[in-house]
N, C-alpha and C. Protein backbone atom coordinates (compact mmCIF):
# COMPACT_ATOMS: atom_id res chain seq x y z
N MET A 1 95.10 75.68 118.65
CA MET A 1 94.35 76.61 119.71
C MET A 1 94.02 77.85 118.82
N LEU A 2 92.53 77.68 119.49
CA LEU A 2 92.32 79.15 118.43
C LEU A 2 92.64 80.66 119.39
N SER A 3 92.96 81.31 118.97
CA SER A 3 93.22 82.54 119.42
C SER A 3 91.72 83.58 119.62
N GLY A 4 91.56 84.48 120.65
CA GLY A 4 90.37 85.29 121.10
C GLY A 4 90.70 86.60 120.56
N LYS A 5 91.37 86.86 119.51
CA LYS A 5 91.39 87.77 118.48
C LYS A 5 90.52 88.26 117.71
N LYS A 6 89.92 89.44 117.75
CA LYS A 6 88.79 89.94 117.01
C LYS A 6 89.58 90.98 116.01
N ASN A 7 89.06 90.96 114.49
CA ASN A 7 89.43 91.63 113.69
C ASN A 7 88.81 93.06 113.76
N LYS A 8 89.88 94.16 113.79
CA LYS A 8 89.70 95.38 113.81
C LYS A 8 88.55 95.75 112.57
N THR A 9 88.27 96.79 112.96
CA THR A 9 86.89 97.61 111.65
C THR A 9 87.13 99.18 111.72
N LYS A 10 87.10 99.74 110.72
CA LYS A 10 86.84 100.71 110.53
C LYS A 10 85.90 101.58 109.52
N ILE A 11 85.34 102.85 109.88
CA ILE A 11 84.43 103.50 108.82
C ILE A 11 84.78 104.59 108.15
N GLY A 12 85.01 104.80 106.90
CA GLY A 12 85.31 105.66 106.35
C GLY A 12 84.64 106.06 104.77
N LYS A 13 85.09 106.90 104.12
CA LYS A 13 84.41 107.20 102.88
C LYS A 13 85.37 106.66 101.86
N VAL A 14 85.17 106.36 100.68
CA VAL A 14 85.78 106.15 99.64
C VAL A 14 86.34 107.42 98.74
N VAL A 15 87.71 107.16 98.43
CA VAL A 15 88.20 108.67 98.00
C VAL A 15 88.39 108.22 96.34
N SER A 16 88.98 107.00 96.29
CA SER A 16 89.35 106.52 95.15
C SER A 16 88.79 105.27 94.70
N ASP A 17 88.70 105.06 93.07
CA ASP A 17 88.24 103.51 92.86
C ASP A 17 88.36 103.31 91.43
N SER A 18 89.79 103.87 91.18
CA SER A 18 90.22 103.58 89.90
C SER A 18 90.83 102.14 89.52
N MET A 19 91.20 101.61 90.70
CA MET A 19 91.49 100.08 90.47
C MET A 19 90.92 99.15 90.54
N GLU A 20 91.41 97.83 89.77
CA GLU A 20 90.48 96.83 89.62
C GLU A 20 90.51 96.13 91.11
N LYS A 21 89.04 96.12 91.77
CA LYS A 21 88.87 95.28 92.91
C LYS A 21 89.65 95.75 94.09
N SER A 22 89.90 97.24 93.99
CA SER A 22 90.83 97.83 95.12
C SER A 22 89.86 99.07 95.32
N VAL A 23 89.98 99.82 96.51
CA VAL A 23 89.46 101.06 96.43
C VAL A 23 90.24 101.91 97.91
N VAL A 24 90.36 103.01 98.14
CA VAL A 24 91.07 103.62 98.66
C VAL A 24 89.78 104.39 99.74
N VAL A 25 90.32 104.13 100.87
CA VAL A 25 88.95 105.14 101.96
C VAL A 25 89.91 105.40 103.01
N LYS A 26 89.26 106.89 103.08
CA LYS A 26 89.94 107.71 104.06
C LYS A 26 89.12 107.79 105.46
N VAL A 27 89.69 107.38 106.42
CA VAL A 27 89.20 107.35 107.82
C VAL A 27 89.60 108.50 108.64
N GLU A 28 88.55 109.43 109.08
CA GLU A 28 88.70 110.29 110.06
C GLU A 28 88.77 110.08 111.30
N TYR A 29 89.53 110.84 112.44
CA TYR A 29 89.53 110.43 113.74
C TYR A 29 90.04 112.01 114.31
N LEU A 30 89.45 111.92 115.60
CA LEU A 30 89.87 113.36 116.58
C LEU A 30 90.79 112.77 117.30
N VAL A 31 92.00 113.93 117.79
CA VAL A 31 92.86 113.56 118.27
C VAL A 31 93.03 114.98 119.12
N SER A 32 93.07 114.83 120.59
CA SER A 32 93.05 115.74 121.56
C SER A 32 94.55 116.92 121.40
N TYR A 33 94.61 117.91 121.31
CA TYR A 33 95.55 118.59 121.49
C TYR A 33 95.76 119.28 123.03
N PRO A 34 96.56 118.68 123.57
CA PRO A 34 96.56 118.99 125.09
C PRO A 34 96.82 120.62 125.39
N LEU A 35 97.85 121.12 124.88
CA LEU A 35 98.13 122.40 124.97
C LEU A 35 97.01 123.69 124.91
N TYR A 36 96.24 123.40 123.80
CA TYR A 36 95.52 124.27 123.75
C TYR A 36 94.06 123.71 123.96
N LYS A 37 93.79 122.67 124.51
CA LYS A 37 92.40 122.08 124.72
C LYS A 37 91.72 121.92 123.77
N LYS A 38 91.82 121.60 122.60
CA LYS A 38 91.17 121.50 121.39
C LYS A 38 91.36 120.13 120.98
N ARG A 39 90.38 119.66 120.09
CA ARG A 39 90.35 118.39 119.25
C ARG A 39 90.34 118.69 117.80
N ILE A 40 91.27 117.98 117.01
CA ILE A 40 91.91 118.04 115.93
C ILE A 40 91.44 117.08 115.07
N LYS A 41 90.93 117.28 113.78
CA LYS A 41 90.52 116.28 112.97
C LYS A 41 91.84 115.89 112.17
N LYS A 42 91.85 114.38 112.13
CA LYS A 42 92.81 114.08 111.33
C LYS A 42 92.47 112.97 110.68
N SER A 43 93.10 112.26 109.47
CA SER A 43 92.65 111.26 108.84
C SER A 43 93.99 110.53 108.37
N THR A 44 93.51 109.17 107.98
CA THR A 44 94.16 108.30 107.21
C THR A 44 93.86 107.54 106.21
N LYS A 45 94.50 107.15 105.24
CA LYS A 45 94.08 106.49 103.98
C LYS A 45 94.20 104.92 104.02
N PHE A 46 93.42 104.19 103.74
CA PHE A 46 93.75 102.66 103.68
C PHE A 46 93.46 102.00 102.16
N MET A 47 93.93 101.22 101.91
CA MET A 47 93.59 100.53 100.51
C MET A 47 93.00 99.28 101.11
N ALA A 48 91.87 99.26 100.63
CA ALA A 48 90.78 97.94 100.61
C ALA A 48 90.46 97.07 99.69
N HIS A 49 90.41 95.93 99.65
CA HIS A 49 89.97 94.83 98.81
C HIS A 49 88.52 94.99 98.82
N ASP A 50 87.97 95.16 97.22
CA ASP A 50 86.49 95.24 96.88
C ASP A 50 86.36 94.40 96.11
N GLU A 51 85.98 93.26 96.21
CA GLU A 51 85.66 92.13 95.67
C GLU A 51 85.16 91.90 94.28
N LYS A 52 83.56 92.44 94.48
CA LYS A 52 82.79 92.70 93.55
C LYS A 52 83.06 94.07 92.71
N ASN A 53 83.69 94.80 93.01
CA ASN A 53 83.93 96.23 92.29
C ASN A 53 82.54 97.26 92.31
N ILE A 54 81.73 96.99 93.78
CA ILE A 54 80.58 97.84 93.90
C ILE A 54 80.60 99.22 94.71
N CYS A 55 81.94 99.27 95.21
CA CYS A 55 81.97 100.66 95.46
C CYS A 55 82.42 101.81 94.49
N SER A 56 81.68 103.04 94.79
CA SER A 56 81.89 103.98 94.10
C SER A 56 82.44 105.39 95.20
N ILE A 57 83.18 106.44 94.63
CA ILE A 57 83.73 107.40 95.03
C ILE A 57 82.58 108.27 96.07
N GLY A 58 82.91 108.58 97.09
CA GLY A 58 81.79 108.96 98.48
C GLY A 58 81.07 108.19 99.00
N ASP A 59 80.89 106.65 98.74
CA ASP A 59 80.46 105.87 99.40
C ASP A 59 80.71 105.70 100.95
N LYS A 60 80.03 105.56 101.76
CA LYS A 60 80.60 105.30 103.19
C LYS A 60 80.49 103.87 103.28
N VAL A 61 81.81 103.30 103.82
CA VAL A 61 81.96 102.16 103.85
C VAL A 61 82.54 101.64 105.15
N LYS A 62 82.25 100.12 105.54
CA LYS A 62 82.95 99.73 106.48
C LYS A 62 84.06 98.70 106.35
N ILE A 63 85.29 98.76 106.57
CA ILE A 63 86.50 98.13 106.16
C ILE A 63 86.88 97.36 107.57
N ALA A 64 87.33 95.81 107.36
CA ALA A 64 87.77 94.93 108.17
C ALA A 64 89.22 94.73 108.03
N GLU A 65 89.83 94.67 108.95
CA GLU A 65 91.64 94.00 108.78
C GLU A 65 91.63 92.62 108.34
N THR A 66 92.32 92.03 107.58
CA THR A 66 92.54 90.76 107.12
C THR A 66 93.85 90.49 106.77
N ARG A 67 94.23 89.29 106.32
CA ARG A 67 95.62 88.85 106.03
C ARG A 67 96.38 89.69 104.65
N PRO A 68 97.59 90.00 104.73
CA PRO A 68 97.89 90.97 103.43
C PRO A 68 97.74 90.35 102.23
N LEU A 69 96.61 91.13 101.43
CA LEU A 69 96.18 90.59 100.32
C LEU A 69 97.32 91.13 98.81
N SER A 70 98.12 92.19 99.36
CA SER A 70 99.44 92.83 98.58
C SER A 70 100.01 93.47 99.17
N LYS A 71 101.02 94.22 98.69
CA LYS A 71 101.95 95.21 99.13
C LYS A 71 101.38 96.33 100.30
N ARG A 72 100.31 96.64 99.94
CA ARG A 72 99.45 97.62 100.45
C ARG A 72 98.19 97.50 100.93
N LYS A 73 97.60 96.57 100.68
CA LYS A 73 96.36 96.33 101.00
C LYS A 73 96.44 95.05 102.01
N ARG A 74 95.71 95.52 103.42
CA ARG A 74 95.51 94.66 104.46
C ARG A 74 93.88 94.96 104.97
N TRP A 75 93.27 95.76 104.22
CA TRP A 75 91.68 95.84 104.56
C TRP A 75 90.80 95.06 103.54
N ARG A 76 89.47 94.94 103.71
CA ARG A 76 88.82 94.39 102.84
C ARG A 76 87.31 95.30 103.24
N VAL A 77 86.73 95.49 102.07
CA VAL A 77 84.99 96.40 102.39
C VAL A 77 84.32 94.97 102.89
N THR A 78 83.87 95.14 104.13
CA THR A 78 82.63 94.20 104.72
C THR A 78 81.30 94.35 104.10
N GLU A 79 80.89 95.78 104.16
CA GLU A 79 79.75 96.36 103.78
C GLU A 79 79.58 97.97 103.37
N ILE A 80 78.56 97.96 102.61
CA ILE A 80 78.32 99.70 102.27
C ILE A 80 77.33 100.27 103.14
N LEU A 81 77.68 101.55 103.94
CA LEU A 81 76.66 101.67 104.86
C LEU A 81 75.90 102.91 104.25
N GLU A 82 76.52 103.55 102.91
CA GLU A 82 75.61 104.72 102.74
C GLU A 82 76.15 104.82 101.09
N LYS A 83 75.30 104.83 100.21
CA LYS A 83 75.56 104.77 98.72
C LYS A 83 75.48 106.06 98.25
N THR A 84 76.27 106.92 97.67
CA THR A 84 76.07 107.86 96.84
C THR A 84 75.21 108.01 95.70
N LYS A 85 74.63 109.06 95.23
CA LYS A 85 73.53 108.79 94.19
C LYS A 85 74.24 109.49 93.06
């Protein structure tokens, strides 16, 4: 039986590409702080698999959830939305 589960995707910036076939992607999001009625920007870093080693620092990429590839890698780069010069 097939499950109707859709893979999660996130958009973020590459902050590290010093590893072989791996990048660290920083994803920023807004959180509401109810006491002061403000929105705070927070971020999370994800290790993602980059099979062709084409990502560089500063690139805006889209990552998708996948099976565990290593101890910390559970995401893979699906596309590069914006290249840095």
